[in-house]
N, C-alpha and C. Protein backbone atom coordinates (compact mmCIF):
# COMPACT_ATOMS: atom_id res chain seq x y z
N UNK A 1 1.43 -1.47 -0.22
CA UNK A 1 0.01 0.01 0.03
C UNK A 1 0.84 1.32 -0.40
N UNK A 2 0.43 2.40 -0.67
CA UNK A 2 1.47 3.35 -1.12
C UNK A 2 0.65 4.57 -0.45
N UNK A 3 1.69 5.09 0.91
CA UNK A 3 0.91 5.77 2.18
C UNK A 3 1.90 6.84 1.82
N UNK A 4 3.21 6.91 0.55
CA UNK A 4 3.05 8.57 0.11
C UNK A 4 2.15 9.51 -0.16
N UNK A 5 2.89 11.09 0.48
CA UNK A 5 1.85 12.30 -0.35
C UNK A 5 2.14 13.11 -0.88
N UNK A 6 1.15 13.44 -2.06
CA UNK A 6 1.80 14.10 -3.02
C UNK A 6 1.33 15.42 -3.03
N UNK A 7 2.12 15.57 -2.90
CA UNK A 7 1.85 17.74 -2.49
C UNK A 7 1.47 18.04 -3.85
N UNK A 8 2.22 17.46 -5.05
CA UNK A 8 2.19 18.17 -6.12
C UNK A 8 1.21 17.23 -7.66
N UNK A 9 0.06 17.03 -7.02
CA UNK A 9 -0.75 15.73 -7.75
C UNK A 9 -0.76 16.62 -8.87
N UNK A 10 -1.58 15.92 -9.85
CA UNK A 10 -1.86 15.90 -11.38
C UNK A 10 -2.71 16.84 -11.19
N UNK A 11 -2.19 18.74 -11.41
CA UNK A 11 -3.58 19.65 -11.13
C UNK A 11 -3.26 19.76 -12.88
N UNK A 12 -4.28 20.58 -13.50
CA UNK A 12 -4.58 21.56 -14.35
C UNK A 12 -3.55 22.98 -14.60
N UNK A 13 -2.52 22.35 -14.87
CA UNK A 13 -1.26 23.35 -15.08
C UNK A 13 -1.68 24.46 -15.85
N UNK A 14 -3.01 25.08 -16.24
CA UNK A 14 -3.37 26.06 -17.14
C UNK A 14 -3.32 27.02 -16.68
N UNK A 15 -3.02 28.30 -17.54
CA UNK A 15 -2.82 29.27 -17.47
C UNK A 15 -3.40 30.41 -15.81
N UNK A 16 -5.01 29.74 -16.12
CA UNK A 16 -6.17 30.13 -15.37
C UNK A 16 -5.28 29.82 -13.78
N UNK A 17 -5.02 28.74 -13.79
CA UNK A 17 -4.80 28.21 -12.44
C UNK A 17 -3.38 28.73 -12.34
N UNK A 18 -2.54 29.05 -12.31
CA UNK A 18 -0.73 29.60 -12.42
C UNK A 18 -1.66 30.74 -11.81
N UNK A 19 -2.29 31.42 -12.32
CA UNK A 19 -2.82 32.63 -12.28
C UNK A 19 -3.90 32.82 -10.39
N UNK A 20 -4.21 31.76 -10.84
CA UNK A 20 -4.74 31.60 -9.46
C UNK A 20 -4.06 31.47 -7.96
N UNK A 21 -3.11 30.58 -8.22
CA UNK A 21 -1.88 30.77 -6.94
C UNK A 21 -1.30 31.89 -7.06
N UNK A 22 -1.16 32.36 -8.11
CA UNK A 22 -0.45 34.47 -7.93
C UNK A 22 -1.36 34.75 -6.88
N UNK A 23 -2.62 35.02 -7.51
CA UNK A 23 -3.71 35.27 -6.79
C UNK A 23 -3.91 35.49 -5.48
N UNK A 24 -3.74 33.91 -5.02
CA UNK A 24 -3.55 33.39 -3.39
C UNK A 24 -2.68 33.98 -2.70
N UNK A 25 -1.47 33.92 -3.50
CA UNK A 25 -0.37 34.31 -3.01
C UNK A 25 -0.46 35.88 -2.44
N UNK A 26 -1.03 36.83 -3.67
CA UNK A 26 -0.90 38.48 -3.14
C UNK A 26 -2.14 38.66 -2.26
N UNK A 27 -3.42 38.02 -2.26
CA UNK A 27 -4.42 37.96 -1.43
C UNK A 27 -3.32 37.78 -0.33
N UNK A 28 -2.73 36.75 0.29
CA UNK A 28 -2.23 36.39 1.32
C UNK A 28 -1.43 37.34 1.96
N UNK A 29 -0.64 38.12 1.32
CA UNK A 29 0.58 38.66 1.74
C UNK A 29 -0.55 39.97 2.19
N UNK A 30 -1.63 40.24 1.79
CA UNK A 30 -2.37 41.51 1.89
C UNK A 30 -2.76 41.21 3.67
N UNK A 31 -3.24 40.17 3.62
CA UNK A 31 -3.48 39.65 5.13
C UNK A 31 -2.41 39.67 5.85
N UNK A 32 -1.28 38.90 5.60
CA UNK A 32 0.24 39.42 6.26
C UNK A 32 0.16 40.67 6.41
N UNK A 33 0.07 41.70 6.12
CA UNK A 33 0.81 43.14 6.07
C UNK A 33 -0.35 43.61 6.85
N UNK A 34 -1.47 43.11 6.60
CA UNK A 34 -2.39 43.37 7.52
C UNK A 34 -2.37 43.00 9.14
N UNK A 35 -1.65 41.88 9.01
CA UNK A 35 -1.34 41.36 10.89
C UNK A 35 -0.03 41.84 11.44
N UNK A 36 0.91 42.33 10.45
CA UNK A 36 2.22 43.17 11.11
C UNK A 36 1.89 44.21 11.46
N UNK A 37 0.73 45.43 10.71
CA UNK A 37 0.47 46.40 10.93
C UNK A 37 -0.44 46.60 12.36
N UNK A 38 -1.12 45.21 12.52
CA UNK A 38 -1.46 45.32 14.29
C UNK A 38 -0.27 44.44 15.35
N UNK A 39 0.73 44.60 14.60
CA UNK A 39 1.87 43.90 15.59
C UNK A 39 1.30 42.71 16.16
N UNK A 40 0.76 41.47 15.00
CA UNK A 40 0.58 40.14 15.19
C UNK A 40 2.02 39.55 15.49
N UNK A 41 2.05 38.29 16.21
CA UNK A 41 3.27 37.15 16.00
C UNK A 41 3.07 36.89 14.44
N UNK A 42 3.86 35.66 14.13
CA UNK A 42 4.01 34.91 13.59
C UNK A 42 2.81 34.27 12.33
N UNK A 43 2.18 33.43 14.04
CA UNK A 43 0.94 32.33 13.94
C UNK A 43 -0.14 33.81 13.67
N UNK A 44 -0.07 34.96 13.67
CA UNK A 44 -1.27 36.07 13.62
C UNK A 44 -1.17 35.93 11.86
N UNK A 45 0.01 36.46 11.78
CA UNK A 45 0.01 36.96 9.86
C UNK A 45 -0.08 35.45 9.48
N UNK A 46 0.07 34.09 9.62
CA UNK A 46 -0.54 33.04 9.38
C UNK A 46 -2.17 32.81 9.03
N UNK A 47 -2.41 33.20 10.25
CA UNK A 47 -3.92 33.24 10.10
C UNK A 47 -4.69 33.99 9.11
N UNK A 48 -4.31 35.44 9.50
CA UNK A 48 -4.43 36.68 8.92
C UNK A 48 -4.67 35.95 7.27
N UNK A 49 -3.26 35.72 6.86
CA UNK A 49 -2.53 35.40 5.64
C UNK A 49 -3.61 33.95 5.09
N UNK A 50 -3.96 33.45 5.74
CA UNK A 50 -4.89 31.97 5.24
C UNK A 50 -6.08 32.54 5.12
N UNK A 51 -6.49 33.05 6.00
CA UNK A 51 -8.27 33.67 5.33
C UNK A 51 -8.41 33.98 4.71
N UNK A 52 -7.39 35.75 4.26
CA UNK A 52 -7.33 36.36 2.98
C UNK A 52 -7.50 35.59 1.64
N UNK A 53 -6.64 34.38 1.79
CA UNK A 53 -5.83 33.78 0.64
C UNK A 53 -6.94 32.79 0.17
N UNK A 54 -7.64 32.21 1.25
CA UNK A 54 -8.47 31.21 0.53
C UNK A 54 -10.26 31.22 1.31
N UNK A 55 -10.69 32.17 1.89
CA UNK A 55 -11.58 32.44 2.92
C UNK A 55 -12.58 32.28 2.16
N UNK A 56 -12.38 32.75 1.04
CA UNK A 56 -13.83 33.46 -0.04
C UNK A 56 -13.95 31.80 -0.36
N UNK A 57 -12.98 31.36 -1.23
CA UNK A 57 -12.83 30.47 -1.71
C UNK A 57 -13.62 28.86 -0.82
N UNK A 58 -13.40 29.33 0.27
CA UNK A 58 -13.73 28.00 1.52
C UNK A 58 -14.89 28.41 1.28
N UNK A 59 -16.11 29.79 1.73
CA UNK A 59 -16.88 30.17 1.99
C UNK A 59 -17.77 29.41 0.61
N UNK A 60 -17.39 29.75 -0.30
CA UNK A 60 -18.06 29.10 -1.39
C UNK A 60 -18.33 27.82 -1.69
N UNK A 61 -17.45 26.75 -1.54
CA UNK A 61 -17.34 25.52 -1.58
C UNK A 61 -17.77 25.06 -0.27
N UNK A 62 -18.64 25.50 0.76
CA UNK A 62 -18.90 24.67 1.44
C UNK A 62 -20.87 25.75 1.72
N UNK A 63 -21.02 26.35 1.27
CA UNK A 63 -22.16 26.77 0.68
C UNK A 63 -22.75 25.95 -0.30
N UNK A 64 -21.86 25.75 -1.03
CA UNK A 64 -22.66 24.66 -1.63
C UNK A 64 -22.40 23.31 -2.26
N UNK A 65 -21.84 22.89 -1.38
CA UNK A 65 -21.17 21.27 -0.59
C UNK A 65 -20.34 20.90 -1.10
N UNK A 66 -19.45 21.60 -1.84
CA UNK A 66 -18.48 20.91 -2.60
C UNK A 66 -17.32 20.73 -1.26
N UNK A 67 -17.20 19.28 -0.82
CA UNK A 67 -16.34 19.26 0.27
C UNK A 67 -15.55 17.86 0.16
N UNK A 68 -14.35 17.66 1.06
CA UNK A 68 -13.86 18.86 1.38
C UNK A 68 -13.57 20.25 0.46
N UNK A 69 -13.28 20.96 0.69
CA UNK A 69 -13.37 22.28 0.12
C UNK A 69 -11.89 22.31 -0.36
N UNK A 70 -11.76 23.38 -1.33
CA UNK A 70 -10.42 22.82 -2.63
C UNK A 70 -8.99 23.06 -2.05
N UNK A 71 -8.85 23.59 -0.74
CA UNK A 71 -7.30 23.43 -0.33
C UNK A 71 -7.22 22.46 0.29
N UNK A 72 -8.06 21.78 0.96
CA UNK A 72 -7.57 20.23 0.96
C UNK A 72 -7.27 19.18 0.39
N UNK A 73 -8.18 19.42 -0.44
CA UNK A 73 -7.48 18.65 -1.71
C UNK A 73 -6.22 18.47 -2.49
N UNK A 74 -5.94 20.31 -2.61
CA UNK A 74 -4.98 20.42 -2.78
C UNK A 74 -3.87 21.88 -2.16
N UNK A 75 -3.43 20.97 -1.52
CA UNK A 75 -2.92 21.49 -0.29
C UNK A 75 -1.51 22.55 -1.17
N UNK A 76 -1.21 22.48 -2.22
CA UNK A 76 -0.28 22.86 -2.48
C UNK A 76 -0.93 24.82 -2.40
N UNK A 77 -1.76 25.09 -2.30
CA UNK A 77 -2.21 26.06 -1.65
C UNK A 77 -2.17 26.80 0.29
N UNK A 78 -1.75 26.00 0.59
CA UNK A 78 -1.75 26.27 1.98
C UNK A 78 0.25 26.47 1.97
N UNK A 79 0.72 26.05 1.30
CA UNK A 79 2.59 26.43 0.84
C UNK A 79 2.58 27.42 0.27
N UNK A 80 1.49 28.02 -0.60
CA UNK A 80 1.97 29.14 -1.08
C UNK A 80 1.23 30.11 -0.01
N UNK A 81 0.56 30.26 0.83
CA UNK A 81 0.20 30.87 1.76
C UNK A 81 1.29 30.97 3.06
N UNK A 82 2.06 30.02 2.90
CA UNK A 82 3.72 29.84 3.56
C UNK A 82 4.57 30.53 3.54
N UNK A 83 4.30 30.58 1.63
CA UNK A 83 5.35 31.50 0.88
C UNK A 83 5.23 32.70 1.49
N UNK A 84 3.44 33.06 1.05
CA UNK A 84 3.27 34.56 1.47
C UNK A 84 3.69 35.01 2.77
N UNK A 85 3.54 34.06 4.19
CA UNK A 85 4.07 35.11 4.71
C UNK A 85 5.47 35.12 5.37
N UNK A 86 6.65 34.02 4.38
CA UNK A 86 7.79 34.19 4.41
C UNK A 86 8.78 35.37 3.35
N UNK A 87 7.35 35.69 2.69
CA UNK A 87 7.64 36.89 1.82
C UNK A 87 7.78 38.40 2.71
N UNK A 88 6.71 37.94 3.37
CA UNK A 88 6.03 39.12 3.88
C UNK A 88 7.22 39.50 5.15
N UNK A 89 7.97 38.57 5.49
CA UNK A 89 8.74 38.87 6.47
C UNK A 89 9.70 39.21 5.94
N UNK A 90 10.26 38.82 4.98
CA UNK A 90 11.59 39.11 4.31
C UNK A 90 11.68 40.20 3.95
N UNK A 91 10.58 40.81 2.99
CA UNK A 91 10.74 41.74 2.43
C UNK A 91 9.64 42.84 2.99
N UNK A 92 9.75 43.35 4.22
CA UNK A 92 8.78 43.62 5.32
C UNK A 92 9.16 45.29 4.58
N UNK A 93 10.25 45.75 4.84
CA UNK A 93 10.25 47.23 4.16
C UNK A 93 10.08 47.84 2.56
N UNK A 94 10.48 46.37 2.17
CA UNK A 94 10.51 46.84 0.81
C UNK A 94 9.14 47.12 0.51
N UNK A 95 7.56 46.39 1.22
CA UNK A 95 6.44 46.80 1.21
C UNK A 95 5.49 47.80 1.14
N UNK A 96 6.76 48.38 1.80
CA UNK A 96 6.36 49.83 2.59
C UNK A 96 6.45 50.63 1.66
N UNK A 97 7.03 50.54 0.73
CA UNK A 97 7.66 51.37 -0.47
C UNK A 97 6.07 51.96 -1.63
N UNK A 98 6.14 53.13 -1.85
CA UNK A 98 5.23 52.95 -2.52
C UNK A 98 4.94 52.22 -4.05
N UNK A 99 5.90 51.69 -4.73
CA UNK A 99 6.05 50.74 -5.88
C UNK A 99 5.76 49.63 -5.64
N UNK A 100 6.24 49.06 -4.51
CA UNK A 100 5.58 47.65 -4.24
C UNK A 100 3.75 47.76 -3.83
N UNK A 101 3.52 48.90 -3.02
CA UNK A 101 2.67 48.82 -2.72
C UNK A 101 1.63 49.26 -3.87
N UNK A 102 1.83 49.80 -5.21
CA UNK A 102 1.41 50.18 -6.72
C UNK A 102 1.28 48.88 -6.77
N UNK A 103 2.37 47.83 -7.06
CA UNK A 103 2.74 46.81 -7.57
C UNK A 103 1.59 45.72 -7.28
N UNK A 104 1.46 45.68 -5.78
CA UNK A 104 0.86 44.48 -5.04
C UNK A 104 -1.08 44.68 -5.76
N UNK A 105 -1.46 46.07 -5.48
CA UNK A 105 -2.59 46.66 -6.24
C UNK A 105 -3.08 46.01 -7.46
N UNK A 106 -2.14 46.01 -8.01
CA UNK A 106 -2.35 45.62 -9.73
C UNK A 106 -2.91 43.78 -9.74
N UNK A 107 -1.67 43.35 -9.12
CA UNK A 107 -1.99 41.41 -8.97
C UNK A 107 -3.13 42.01 -7.84
N UNK A 108 -3.66 42.22 -6.74
CA UNK A 108 -4.78 42.02 -6.36
C UNK A 108 -5.87 42.46 -7.47
N UNK A 109 -6.00 42.96 -7.98
CA UNK A 109 -7.14 43.25 -8.95
C UNK A 109 -7.06 42.32 -10.39
N UNK A 110 -5.92 41.52 -10.32
CA UNK A 110 -5.45 40.52 -11.45
C UNK A 110 -6.47 39.21 -10.56
N UNK A 111 -5.72 39.01 -9.19
CA UNK A 111 -6.69 38.30 -8.15
C UNK A 111 -8.26 37.98 -8.55
N UNK A 112 -7.77 39.10 -7.84
CA UNK A 112 -10.14 39.52 -7.84
C UNK A 112 -10.48 39.03 -9.00
N UNK A 113 -10.03 39.66 -10.28
CA UNK A 113 -10.82 38.74 -11.39
C UNK A 113 -10.65 37.34 -11.72
N UNK A 114 -9.69 36.55 -11.35
CA UNK A 114 -9.39 35.04 -11.58
C UNK A 114 -10.35 34.75 -10.33
N UNK A 115 -10.63 34.76 -9.57
CA UNK A 115 -10.94 34.23 -8.43
C UNK A 115 -12.63 34.35 -8.93
N UNK A 116 -13.34 35.74 -9.38
CA UNK A 116 -14.23 36.09 -9.83
C UNK A 116 -14.64 34.80 -10.88
N UNK A 117 -14.13 34.55 -11.80
CA UNK A 117 -13.81 33.36 -12.88
C UNK A 117 -14.05 32.19 -12.63
N UNK A 118 -12.99 31.47 -11.07
CA UNK A 118 -12.96 30.64 -10.98
C UNK A 118 -14.60 30.17 -9.64
N UNK A 119 -14.64 31.13 -9.32
CA UNK A 119 -16.06 31.26 -8.13
C UNK A 119 -17.66 31.23 -9.43
N UNK A 120 -17.73 31.74 -9.69
CA UNK A 120 -18.58 31.79 -11.25
C UNK A 120 -19.02 30.48 -12.45
N UNK A 121 -17.50 29.85 -12.62
CA UNK A 121 -18.23 28.42 -13.09
C UNK A 121 -17.94 27.56 -12.19
N UNK A 122 -17.90 27.60 -10.91
CA UNK A 122 -17.99 26.40 -10.00
C UNK A 122 -19.41 26.43 -9.98
N UNK A 123 -19.76 27.57 -9.69
CA UNK A 123 -21.85 27.34 -9.78
C UNK A 123 -21.79 27.29 -10.74
N UNK A 124 -21.50 27.30 -11.99
CA UNK A 124 -21.73 26.90 -13.14
C UNK A 124 -22.20 25.25 -12.89
N UNK A 125 -21.01 24.96 -12.64
CA UNK A 125 -20.61 23.15 -12.95
C UNK A 125 -21.74 22.73 -11.78
N UNK A 126 -22.33 23.24 -10.81
CA UNK A 126 -22.96 22.48 -10.10
C UNK A 126 -24.58 23.45 -10.51
N UNK A 127 -24.77 23.58 -11.43
CA UNK A 127 -26.30 23.79 -12.18
C UNK A 127 -26.51 24.61 -11.38
N UNK A 128 -26.01 25.82 -10.72
CA UNK A 128 -26.95 26.72 -10.07
C UNK A 128 -27.48 28.03 -10.95
N UNK A 129 -28.14 28.94 -10.50
CA UNK A 129 -28.72 29.57 -11.30
C UNK A 129 -28.08 30.57 -11.94
N UNK A 130 -27.56 31.44 -12.85
CA UNK A 130 -26.67 32.42 -12.81
C UNK A 130 -26.35 33.19 -12.34
N UNK A 131 -27.93 33.93 -11.38
CA UNK A 131 -27.23 35.61 -10.26
C UNK A 131 -26.72 34.42 -9.22
N UNK A 132 -26.87 33.26 -9.01
CA UNK A 132 -26.10 32.48 -7.64
C UNK A 132 -24.85 32.58 -8.38
N UNK A 133 -24.35 31.77 -9.29
CA UNK A 133 -23.44 31.76 -9.85
C UNK A 133 -22.70 33.41 -9.72
N UNK A 134 -23.24 34.48 -10.03
CA UNK A 134 -22.52 35.75 -10.15
C UNK A 134 -22.24 36.05 -8.50
N UNK A 135 -23.15 35.45 -7.88
CA UNK A 135 -22.52 35.92 -6.46
C UNK A 135 -21.43 34.94 -5.78
N UNK A 136 -21.44 33.86 -6.11
CA UNK A 136 -20.41 32.83 -5.88
C UNK A 136 -19.23 33.30 -6.44
N UNK A 137 -18.79 34.29 -7.56
CA UNK A 137 -17.64 34.95 -8.18
C UNK A 137 -17.50 36.00 -7.05
N UNK A 138 -18.62 36.76 -6.27
CA UNK A 138 -18.05 37.80 -5.74
C UNK A 138 -17.89 37.08 -4.24
N UNK A 139 -18.70 36.45 -4.31
CA UNK A 139 -17.81 35.92 -2.54
C UNK A 139 -16.37 35.17 -2.51
N UNK A 140 -16.28 34.62 -3.76
CA UNK A 140 -14.71 33.79 -3.86
C UNK A 140 -13.96 34.97 -3.78
N UNK A 141 -13.95 36.03 -4.55
CA UNK A 141 -13.11 37.38 -4.84
C UNK A 141 -12.96 38.27 -3.06
N UNK A 142 -13.70 38.13 -2.44
CA UNK A 142 -14.12 38.94 -1.64
C UNK A 142 -14.07 38.85 0.03
N UNK A 143 -14.63 37.99 -0.12
CA UNK A 143 -15.17 37.58 1.26
C UNK A 143 -13.77 37.71 2.01
N UNK A 144 -12.40 36.72 1.40
CA UNK A 144 -11.46 36.66 1.93
C UNK A 144 -10.98 38.16 3.19
N UNK A 145 -11.04 38.69 2.13
CA UNK A 145 -10.69 40.59 2.87
C UNK A 145 -11.50 40.60 3.63
N UNK A 146 -13.02 40.33 3.78
CA UNK A 146 -13.85 40.85 4.74
C UNK A 146 -13.35 39.85 5.97
N UNK A 147 -13.73 38.94 6.09
CA UNK A 147 -13.03 37.96 7.44
C UNK A 147 -11.60 38.38 7.82
N UNK A 148 -10.37 39.06 6.91
CA UNK A 148 -9.52 39.30 7.61
C UNK A 148 -10.01 40.94 8.42
N UNK A 149 -10.64 41.50 7.61
CA UNK A 149 -10.79 43.10 8.75
C UNK A 149 -11.68 42.56 9.61
N UNK A 150 -12.81 41.40 9.70
CA UNK A 150 -13.44 41.25 11.07
C UNK A 150 -12.23 40.67 12.17
N UNK A 151 -11.88 39.79 11.87
CA UNK A 151 -10.54 39.37 12.49
C UNK A 151 -9.67 40.20 13.47
N UNK A 152 -9.45 41.41 12.62
CA UNK A 152 -8.46 42.24 13.43
C UNK A 152 -9.28 43.69 13.70
N UNK A 153 -10.99 43.55 13.71
CA UNK A 153 -11.89 44.31 14.39
C UNK A 153 -11.76 45.82 13.83
N UNK A 154 -11.76 45.36 12.48
CA UNK A 154 -12.14 46.62 11.91
C UNK A 154 -13.44 46.85 10.97
N UNK A 155 -14.44 47.81 10.59
CA UNK A 155 -15.40 47.43 9.31
C UNK A 155 -14.60 47.11 8.24
N UNK A 156 -14.93 46.23 7.30
CA UNK A 156 -14.26 45.91 6.18
C UNK A 156 -14.36 46.61 5.68
N UNK A 157 -13.19 46.95 4.64
CA UNK A 157 -13.06 47.81 3.67
C UNK A 157 -13.84 47.96 3.01
N UNK A 158 -13.76 46.79 2.07
CA UNK A 158 -14.76 46.13 1.06
C UNK A 158 -16.12 46.94 1.35
N UNK A 159 -16.74 47.25 2.37
CA UNK A 159 -18.07 47.41 2.39
C UNK A 159 -18.14 48.94 2.57
N UNK A 160 -17.25 50.12 2.92
CA UNK A 160 -17.20 51.47 3.28
C UNK A 160 -16.29 52.37 2.52
N UNK A 161 -15.56 51.88 1.49
CA UNK A 161 -15.22 52.97 0.89
C UNK A 161 -13.84 52.04 -0.52
N UNK A 162 -14.47 51.18 -0.25
CA UNK A 162 -13.63 50.46 -2.19
C UNK A 162 -14.76 49.54 -3.30
N UNK A 163 -14.58 50.22 -4.54
CA UNK A 163 -15.61 49.42 -5.53
C UNK A 163 -14.33 47.62 -5.24
N UNK A 164 -14.65 47.69 -5.00
CA UNK A 164 -14.41 46.36 -4.97
C UNK A 164 -15.51 45.03 -5.16
N UNK A 165 -16.15 44.84 -4.69
CA UNK A 165 -17.43 43.43 -4.67
C UNK A 165 -18.41 44.37 -6.31
N UNK A 166 -18.43 45.42 -6.07
CA UNK A 166 -18.84 45.92 -7.78
C UNK A 166 -18.23 45.11 -8.43
N UNK A 167 -16.79 45.47 -8.76
CA UNK A 167 -16.03 45.17 -10.30
C UNK A 167 -16.56 43.93 -10.31
N UNK A 168 -16.32 42.41 -8.98
CA UNK A 168 -15.97 41.48 -8.85
C UNK A 168 -17.66 40.94 -9.52
N UNK A 169 -18.84 41.74 -9.05
CA UNK A 169 -20.54 41.17 -9.42
C UNK A 169 -20.25 41.83 -11.05
N UNK A 170 -19.88 42.73 -11.71
CA UNK A 170 -19.76 42.87 -13.11
C UNK A 170 -19.31 42.02 -14.03
N UNK A 171 -17.51 41.48 -13.31
CA UNK A 171 -16.94 40.76 -14.18
C UNK A 171 -17.93 39.25 -14.16
N UNK A 172 -18.53 39.34 -12.94
CA UNK A 172 -19.34 37.70 -13.12
C UNK A 172 -19.91 37.88 -14.50
N UNK A 173 -21.16 38.69 -14.45
CA UNK A 173 -22.29 39.60 -15.32
C UNK A 173 -21.74 39.52 -16.57
N UNK A 174 -20.47 39.90 -16.90
CA UNK A 174 -20.05 39.82 -17.99
C UNK A 174 -19.34 38.16 -18.77
N UNK A 175 -19.03 37.69 -17.42
CA UNK A 175 -18.41 35.98 -17.72
C UNK A 175 -19.90 35.28 -18.10
N UNK A 176 -21.38 35.26 -17.51
CA UNK A 176 -22.70 34.52 -17.71
C UNK A 176 -22.74 34.96 -19.63
N UNK A 177 -22.80 36.91 -19.37
CA UNK A 177 -23.04 37.15 -20.77
C UNK A 177 -22.32 36.60 -22.03
N UNK A 178 -20.73 36.64 -21.85
CA UNK A 178 -20.47 36.12 -22.89
C UNK A 178 -20.50 34.14 -23.11
N UNK A 179 -20.42 33.35 -21.59
CA UNK A 179 -20.93 32.20 -22.00
C UNK A 179 -22.58 32.10 -23.05
N UNK A 180 -23.12 32.92 -22.50
CA UNK A 180 -24.29 32.72 -22.79
C UNK A 180 -24.74 33.11 -24.90
N UNK A 181 -23.77 33.97 -24.80
CA UNK A 181 -23.45 34.25 -26.46
C UNK A 181 -22.64 33.38 -27.19
N UNK A 182 -22.41 32.40 -26.17
CA UNK A 182 -21.36 31.47 -26.84
C UNK A 182 -19.47 30.97 -27.42
N UNK A 183 -19.44 32.78 -26.74
CA UNK A 183 -18.13 32.60 -26.98
C UNK A 183 -17.42 31.50 -26.36
N UNK A 184 -15.90 31.68 -26.70
CA UNK A 184 -14.82 30.45 -26.01
C UNK A 184 -14.35 30.76 -24.79
N UNK A 185 -14.34 29.38 -24.20
CA UNK A 185 -14.01 29.65 -22.53
C UNK A 185 -12.63 30.46 -22.19
N UNK A 186 -11.68 30.78 -23.20
CA UNK A 186 -10.34 30.99 -22.71
C UNK A 186 -10.72 32.61 -22.82
N UNK A 187 -11.94 33.08 -24.05
CA UNK A 187 -12.05 34.32 -24.30
C UNK A 187 -13.04 34.89 -23.28
N UNK A 188 -14.19 34.17 -22.52
CA UNK A 188 -14.83 34.45 -21.90
C UNK A 188 -14.38 34.76 -20.48
N UNK A 189 -13.25 34.28 -20.35
CA UNK A 189 -11.72 33.87 -18.55
C UNK A 189 -11.06 35.19 -19.08
N UNK A 190 -10.84 35.80 -19.96
CA UNK A 190 -9.89 36.58 -20.32
C UNK A 190 -10.45 38.49 -20.36
N UNK A 191 -11.99 37.81 -20.92
CA UNK A 191 -12.89 39.30 -20.80
C UNK A 191 -13.34 39.66 -19.08
N UNK A 192 -13.98 38.35 -18.37
CA UNK A 192 -13.87 38.81 -17.00
C UNK A 192 -13.02 39.30 -16.47
N UNK A 193 -11.81 38.70 -16.44
CA UNK A 193 -10.45 39.42 -15.55
C UNK A 193 -10.26 40.52 -16.09
N UNK A 194 -10.08 40.93 -17.34
CA UNK A 194 -9.55 42.41 -17.77
C UNK A 194 -10.97 43.03 -17.35
N UNK A 195 -12.35 43.18 -17.27
CA UNK A 195 -13.09 43.56 -16.94
C UNK A 195 -13.10 44.12 -15.55
N UNK A 196 -12.55 43.24 -15.18
CA UNK A 196 -12.52 43.23 -13.28
C UNK A 196 -11.45 44.43 -13.24
N UNK A 197 -10.52 44.16 -13.86
CA UNK A 197 -9.30 45.09 -13.49
C UNK A 197 -9.26 46.31 -14.30
N UNK A 198 -9.83 46.32 -15.16
CA UNK A 198 -10.02 47.71 -15.47
C UNK A 198 -11.20 48.44 -14.51
N UNK A 199 -11.98 48.21 -14.11
CA UNK A 199 -13.13 48.76 -12.71
C UNK A 199 -12.48 48.93 -12.10
N UNK A 200 -11.26 48.16 -11.37
CA UNK A 200 -10.31 48.38 -9.98
C UNK A 200 -9.30 49.39 -10.41
N UNK A 201 -8.79 49.13 -11.13
CA UNK A 201 -7.58 50.45 -11.67
C UNK A 201 -8.70 52.10 -11.85
N UNK A 202 -9.26 51.98 -12.34
CA UNK A 202 -10.42 53.03 -12.82
C UNK A 202 -10.76 53.95 -11.49
N UNK A 203 -11.17 52.95 -10.39
CA UNK A 203 -12.27 53.74 -9.96
C UNK A 203 -10.88 53.94 -8.32
N UNK A 204 -10.01 53.51 -8.31
CA UNK A 204 -8.48 54.09 -7.63
C UNK A 204 -8.06 54.86 -7.97
N UNK A 205 -7.74 55.06 -9.28
CA UNK A 205 -7.23 55.66 -10.09
C UNK A 205 -7.75 57.32 -9.88
N UNK A 206 -9.18 57.33 -10.15
CA UNK A 206 -10.17 58.38 -9.46
C UNK A 206 -10.62 59.08 -8.19
N UNK A 207 -10.58 57.46 -7.60
CA UNK A 207 -10.80 57.49 -5.60
C UNK A 207 -12.42 57.73 -6.03
N UNK A 208 -12.79 56.90 -7.01
CA UNK A 208 -14.19 56.25 -6.98
C UNK A 208 -14.77 55.82 -5.83
N UNK A 209 -16.30 55.50 -5.76
CA UNK A 209 -16.79 54.82 -5.08
C UNK A 209 -18.14 55.35 -4.84
N UNK A 210 -18.43 54.20 -4.36
CA UNK A 210 -20.35 53.75 -4.36
C UNK A 210 -21.35 54.92 -3.40
N UNK A 211 -22.38 55.67 -3.74
CA UNK A 211 -22.68 56.61 -2.90
C UNK A 211 -22.60 56.54 -1.36
N UNK A 212 -22.78 57.18 -0.42
CA UNK A 212 -23.45 56.62 1.10
C UNK A 212 -24.31 57.08 1.15
N UNK A 213 -24.97 56.44 2.13
CA UNK A 213 -26.05 57.42 2.87
C UNK A 213 -26.21 57.98 4.09
């Protein structure tokens, strides 16, 4: 009987999957930085990095009954989060520079777009209503950051001053529309991710946000 644990099983090493791993690392780095700002120890950094990187996808899988959740079946995600914590510790001074922060924002937007695609597609695979699929895309892309902010005792950023969830939801709608129009899957992914990135970059550049009541 073979009891060897395969850390790198037969993953679909597609461009989207690689982008998913990169997005996980970037999201996890943002969680680790948030922990550092609150003077948490290394365990606290890992916890916040973990929930930021895979929290949205975990909630999505639990909601639709896709268990064990994705990172339990694919432990490479846990390794990517550990890598993110190490990068944050080693490069802590660099992350304080404006250039690094701007770079992280760009990769964060890419990660949001990729997570949106994955969330919507997973809903489609489970035969759910298109509106629910769009919502799952938003949950996958945004709820990790929401959980992160709750754990550090702050009102989640995505609920008060950033056009974040909206970008994901619009991207999810684009995904559904292009799919119903019969476009090839790769083009659908590109259109969705590009839409999310464009909205995020545009709103950040002009400091736009949804109206407050």
